[in-house]
Amino acid sequence: MPAIPEGLTTIVSTKGQVILPKAIREQRHWPSGTRLTVENTAEGVLLKAVPMFAETSVDAMFGSLGFEGKAKSIEDMDAAVAAEAKRRARD
């Protein structure tokens, strides 16, 4: 990741809102509407983007959806997952 300029500051509003500097939002790829988790640490506050999908295991998902037809390739499945993630990100 490219270095973020030192000395970036922001102000907490009367509503408790903080505006993250544009350089940080762009570096992190956090567009408007990005959901963040907030963690209080000894050093300060840690912000992390919330994963788009809940973490799960293959065992939990195996066989949950039936499919009839020719098997899909890994490339086809990756493309379908990426297309759906992109669609959901717009909603």
N, C-alpha and C. Protein backbone atom coordinates (compact mmCIF):
# COMPACT_ATOMS: atom_id res chain seq x y z
N MET A 1 0.84 -1.18 0.00
CA MET A 1 0.00 0.00 0.00
C MET A 1 0.88 1.24 0.00
N PRO A 2 0.47 2.24 -0.77
CA PRO A 2 1.24 3.48 -0.75
C PRO A 2 1.12 4.16 0.61
N ALA A 3 2.11 4.92 0.95
CA ALA A 3 2.12 5.62 2.25
C ALA A 3 1.06 6.71 2.26
N ILE A 4 0.43 6.86 3.41
CA ILE A 4 -0.54 7.93 3.61
C ILE A 4 0.21 9.11 4.21
N PRO A 5 -0.05 10.32 3.70
CA PRO A 5 0.66 11.49 4.26
C PRO A 5 0.46 11.60 5.76
N GLU A 6 1.53 11.96 6.45
CA GLU A 6 1.45 12.15 7.90
C GLU A 6 0.70 13.44 8.21
N GLY A 7 0.16 13.53 9.41
CA GLY A 7 -0.47 14.76 9.86
C GLY A 7 -1.90 14.97 9.40
N LEU A 8 -2.54 13.93 8.84
CA LEU A 8 -3.94 14.08 8.47
C LEU A 8 -4.77 14.17 9.74
N THR A 9 -5.66 15.12 9.79
CA THR A 9 -6.51 15.27 10.97
C THR A 9 -7.96 15.38 10.54
N THR A 10 -8.84 15.19 11.50
CA THR A 10 -10.27 15.33 11.28
C THR A 10 -10.88 15.81 12.59
N ILE A 11 -12.15 16.13 12.56
CA ILE A 11 -12.84 16.66 13.74
C ILE A 11 -14.07 15.81 14.02
N VAL A 12 -14.34 15.55 15.28
CA VAL A 12 -15.56 14.86 15.67
C VAL A 12 -16.68 15.91 15.72
N SER A 13 -17.77 15.64 14.98
CA SER A 13 -18.88 16.60 14.93
C SER A 13 -19.72 16.50 16.21
N THR A 14 -20.67 17.41 16.35
CA THR A 14 -21.56 17.38 17.52
C THR A 14 -22.41 16.11 17.54
N LYS A 15 -22.56 15.47 16.38
CA LYS A 15 -23.31 14.22 16.29
C LYS A 15 -22.40 13.00 16.46
N GLY A 16 -21.12 13.22 16.72
CA GLY A 16 -20.18 12.12 16.89
C GLY A 16 -19.66 11.57 15.57
N GLN A 17 -19.88 12.29 14.49
CA GLN A 17 -19.43 11.82 13.18
C GLN A 17 -18.01 12.28 12.90
N VAL A 18 -17.28 11.44 12.16
CA VAL A 18 -15.91 11.75 11.78
C VAL A 18 -15.80 11.55 10.27
N ILE A 19 -15.17 12.49 9.60
CA ILE A 19 -14.94 12.36 8.17
C ILE A 19 -13.52 11.82 7.98
N LEU A 20 -13.42 10.67 7.30
CA LEU A 20 -12.11 10.11 7.03
C LEU A 20 -11.50 10.85 5.84
N PRO A 21 -10.24 11.22 5.93
CA PRO A 21 -9.60 11.91 4.81
C PRO A 21 -9.70 11.10 3.52
N LYS A 22 -9.86 11.82 2.40
CA LYS A 22 -10.03 11.19 1.10
C LYS A 22 -8.89 10.23 0.76
N ALA A 23 -7.66 10.60 1.10
CA ALA A 23 -6.50 9.74 0.79
C ALA A 23 -6.65 8.37 1.44
N ILE A 24 -7.16 8.33 2.66
CA ILE A 24 -7.34 7.05 3.37
C ILE A 24 -8.49 6.27 2.74
N ARG A 25 -9.62 6.94 2.47
CA ARG A 25 -10.76 6.25 1.85
C ARG A 25 -10.38 5.64 0.51
N GLU A 26 -9.62 6.39 -0.28
CA GLU A 26 -9.22 5.88 -1.60
C GLU A 26 -8.24 4.72 -1.47
N GLN A 27 -7.28 4.83 -0.56
CA GLN A 27 -6.31 3.75 -0.39
C GLN A 27 -6.99 2.46 0.08
N ARG A 28 -7.95 2.60 0.94
CA ARG A 28 -8.67 1.44 1.48
C ARG A 28 -9.80 0.95 0.58
N HIS A 29 -10.09 1.71 -0.48
CA HIS A 29 -11.21 1.38 -1.37
C HIS A 29 -12.51 1.34 -0.58
N TRP A 30 -12.74 2.40 0.21
CA TRP A 30 -13.94 2.54 1.02
C TRP A 30 -14.82 3.64 0.43
N PRO A 31 -15.70 3.28 -0.51
CA PRO A 31 -16.60 4.30 -1.06
C PRO A 31 -17.69 4.66 -0.05
N SER A 32 -18.46 5.66 -0.39
CA SER A 32 -19.59 6.06 0.45
C SER A 32 -20.48 4.85 0.70
N GLY A 33 -20.90 4.67 1.92
CA GLY A 33 -21.78 3.54 2.26
C GLY A 33 -21.05 2.31 2.76
N THR A 34 -19.72 2.33 2.75
CA THR A 34 -18.96 1.18 3.27
C THR A 34 -19.26 1.00 4.75
N ARG A 35 -19.61 -0.22 5.14
CA ARG A 35 -19.88 -0.51 6.55
C ARG A 35 -18.54 -0.84 7.23
N LEU A 36 -18.33 -0.25 8.40
CA LEU A 36 -17.09 -0.45 9.15
C LEU A 36 -17.38 -0.97 10.54
N THR A 37 -16.50 -1.85 11.04
CA THR A 37 -16.56 -2.22 12.44
C THR A 37 -15.68 -1.24 13.20
N VAL A 38 -16.03 -0.96 14.44
CA VAL A 38 -15.29 -0.02 15.27
C VAL A 38 -14.81 -0.78 16.50
N GLU A 39 -13.49 -0.76 16.72
CA GLU A 39 -12.92 -1.48 17.86
C GLU A 39 -12.09 -0.51 18.69
N ASN A 40 -12.35 -0.48 19.97
CA ASN A 40 -11.59 0.36 20.89
C ASN A 40 -10.33 -0.41 21.29
N THR A 41 -9.15 0.19 21.05
CA THR A 41 -7.88 -0.46 21.39
C THR A 41 -7.09 0.45 22.33
N ALA A 42 -6.02 -0.08 22.88
CA ALA A 42 -5.18 0.72 23.78
C ALA A 42 -4.56 1.90 23.05
N GLU A 43 -4.30 1.74 21.74
CA GLU A 43 -3.68 2.81 20.96
C GLU A 43 -4.69 3.81 20.41
N GLY A 44 -5.94 3.47 20.37
CA GLY A 44 -6.97 4.35 19.80
C GLY A 44 -8.14 3.54 19.27
N VAL A 45 -8.70 4.00 18.17
CA VAL A 45 -9.86 3.34 17.57
C VAL A 45 -9.43 2.69 16.27
N LEU A 46 -9.84 1.44 16.06
CA LEU A 46 -9.50 0.68 14.87
C LEU A 46 -10.75 0.51 14.03
N LEU A 47 -10.69 0.90 12.76
CA LEU A 47 -11.81 0.73 11.82
C LEU A 47 -11.44 -0.35 10.83
N LYS A 48 -12.39 -1.26 10.56
CA LYS A 48 -12.18 -2.32 9.56
C LYS A 48 -13.45 -2.43 8.74
N ALA A 49 -13.29 -2.66 7.44
CA ALA A 49 -14.45 -2.87 6.57
C ALA A 49 -15.12 -4.19 6.97
N VAL A 50 -16.44 -4.16 7.01
CA VAL A 50 -17.21 -5.37 7.31
C VAL A 50 -17.16 -6.26 6.07
N PRO A 51 -16.84 -7.55 6.22
CA PRO A 51 -16.83 -8.44 5.06
C PRO A 51 -18.19 -8.46 4.37
N MET A 52 -18.17 -8.57 3.04
CA MET A 52 -19.42 -8.56 2.28
C MET A 52 -20.28 -9.78 2.63
N PHE A 53 -19.62 -10.90 2.90
CA PHE A 53 -20.33 -12.13 3.21
C PHE A 53 -19.86 -12.67 4.55
N ALA A 54 -20.77 -13.25 5.30
CA ALA A 54 -20.41 -13.84 6.59
C ALA A 54 -19.46 -15.01 6.37
N GLU A 55 -18.51 -15.17 7.28
CA GLU A 55 -17.56 -16.27 7.18
C GLU A 55 -18.29 -17.58 7.43
N THR A 56 -17.98 -18.58 6.64
CA THR A 56 -18.61 -19.89 6.78
C THR A 56 -17.61 -20.96 6.34
N SER A 57 -17.99 -22.21 6.48
CA SER A 57 -17.11 -23.30 6.07
C SER A 57 -17.73 -24.04 4.88
N VAL A 58 -16.90 -24.75 4.16
CA VAL A 58 -17.38 -25.54 3.03
C VAL A 58 -18.38 -26.59 3.53
N ASP A 59 -18.08 -27.20 4.66
CA ASP A 59 -18.97 -28.23 5.20
C ASP A 59 -20.37 -27.70 5.47
N ALA A 60 -20.46 -26.45 5.92
CA ALA A 60 -21.77 -25.86 6.21
C ALA A 60 -22.56 -25.61 4.93
N MET A 61 -21.88 -25.40 3.83
CA MET A 61 -22.55 -25.08 2.58
C MET A 61 -22.71 -26.26 1.63
N PHE A 62 -21.92 -27.29 1.82
CA PHE A 62 -21.90 -28.41 0.89
C PHE A 62 -23.29 -29.01 0.71
N GLY A 63 -23.70 -29.09 -0.53
CA GLY A 63 -24.98 -29.71 -0.84
C GLY A 63 -26.20 -28.86 -0.54
N SER A 64 -26.02 -27.60 -0.18
CA SER A 64 -27.17 -26.76 0.17
C SER A 64 -27.98 -26.33 -1.05
N LEU A 65 -27.35 -26.32 -2.21
CA LEU A 65 -28.05 -25.94 -3.43
C LEU A 65 -27.91 -27.05 -4.46
N GLY A 66 -29.03 -27.47 -4.99
CA GLY A 66 -28.99 -28.50 -6.02
C GLY A 66 -28.69 -27.88 -7.38
N PHE A 67 -28.10 -28.65 -8.27
CA PHE A 67 -27.81 -28.17 -9.61
C PHE A 67 -27.94 -29.32 -10.58
N GLU A 68 -28.66 -29.07 -11.65
CA GLU A 68 -28.77 -30.07 -12.71
C GLU A 68 -28.15 -29.49 -13.96
N GLY A 69 -27.35 -30.25 -14.63
CA GLY A 69 -26.70 -29.78 -15.85
C GLY A 69 -25.21 -30.02 -15.80
N LYS A 70 -24.53 -29.48 -16.81
CA LYS A 70 -23.09 -29.65 -16.92
C LYS A 70 -22.41 -28.93 -15.75
N ALA A 71 -21.38 -29.58 -15.22
CA ALA A 71 -20.63 -28.99 -14.10
C ALA A 71 -19.97 -27.69 -14.55
N LYS A 72 -19.93 -26.72 -13.65
CA LYS A 72 -19.30 -25.43 -13.92
C LYS A 72 -17.81 -25.51 -13.60
N SER A 73 -17.02 -24.76 -14.37
CA SER A 73 -15.58 -24.70 -14.09
C SER A 73 -15.35 -23.74 -12.94
N ILE A 74 -14.17 -23.82 -12.35
CA ILE A 74 -13.79 -22.89 -11.28
C ILE A 74 -13.85 -21.46 -11.80
N GLU A 75 -13.40 -21.24 -13.04
CA GLU A 75 -13.43 -19.90 -13.64
C GLU A 75 -14.86 -19.39 -13.77
N ASP A 76 -15.79 -20.27 -14.21
CA ASP A 76 -17.21 -19.88 -14.31
C ASP A 76 -17.78 -19.52 -12.95
N MET A 77 -17.44 -20.32 -11.94
CA MET A 77 -17.95 -20.05 -10.59
C MET A 77 -17.38 -18.75 -10.04
N ASP A 78 -16.06 -18.51 -10.23
CA ASP A 78 -15.44 -17.27 -9.77
C ASP A 78 -16.10 -16.06 -10.43
N ALA A 79 -16.37 -16.15 -11.74
CA ALA A 79 -16.99 -15.05 -12.47
C ALA A 79 -18.40 -14.79 -11.95
N ALA A 80 -19.16 -15.84 -11.66
CA ALA A 80 -20.52 -15.68 -11.15
C ALA A 80 -20.53 -15.06 -9.76
N VAL A 81 -19.61 -15.48 -8.90
CA VAL A 81 -19.52 -14.92 -7.55
C VAL A 81 -19.13 -13.45 -7.62
N ALA A 82 -18.16 -13.10 -8.47
CA ALA A 82 -17.73 -11.71 -8.61
C ALA A 82 -18.87 -10.84 -9.14
N ALA A 83 -19.62 -11.34 -10.11
CA ALA A 83 -20.74 -10.58 -10.68
C ALA A 83 -21.81 -10.33 -9.63
N GLU A 84 -22.11 -11.33 -8.81
CA GLU A 84 -23.14 -11.15 -7.77
C GLU A 84 -22.65 -10.20 -6.68
N ALA A 85 -21.38 -10.30 -6.30
CA ALA A 85 -20.84 -9.39 -5.29
C ALA A 85 -20.91 -7.95 -5.80
N LYS A 86 -20.60 -7.75 -7.06
CA LYS A 86 -20.65 -6.41 -7.65
C LYS A 86 -22.10 -5.89 -7.68
N ARG A 87 -23.03 -6.78 -8.03
CA ARG A 87 -24.45 -6.39 -8.05
C ARG A 87 -24.92 -6.00 -6.65
N ARG A 88 -24.56 -6.78 -5.65
CA ARG A 88 -24.98 -6.49 -4.27
C ARG A 88 -24.35 -5.22 -3.74
N ALA A 89 -23.15 -4.91 -4.17
CA ALA A 89 -22.47 -3.71 -3.72
C ALA A 89 -23.19 -2.46 -4.22
N ARG A 90 -23.89 -2.56 -5.34
CA ARG A 90 -24.63 -1.43 -5.88
C ARG A 90 -25.96 -1.23 -5.17
N ASP A 91 -26.51 -2.31 -4.60
CA ASP A 91 -27.84 -2.23 -3.95
C ASP A 91 -27.78 -1.52 -2.62
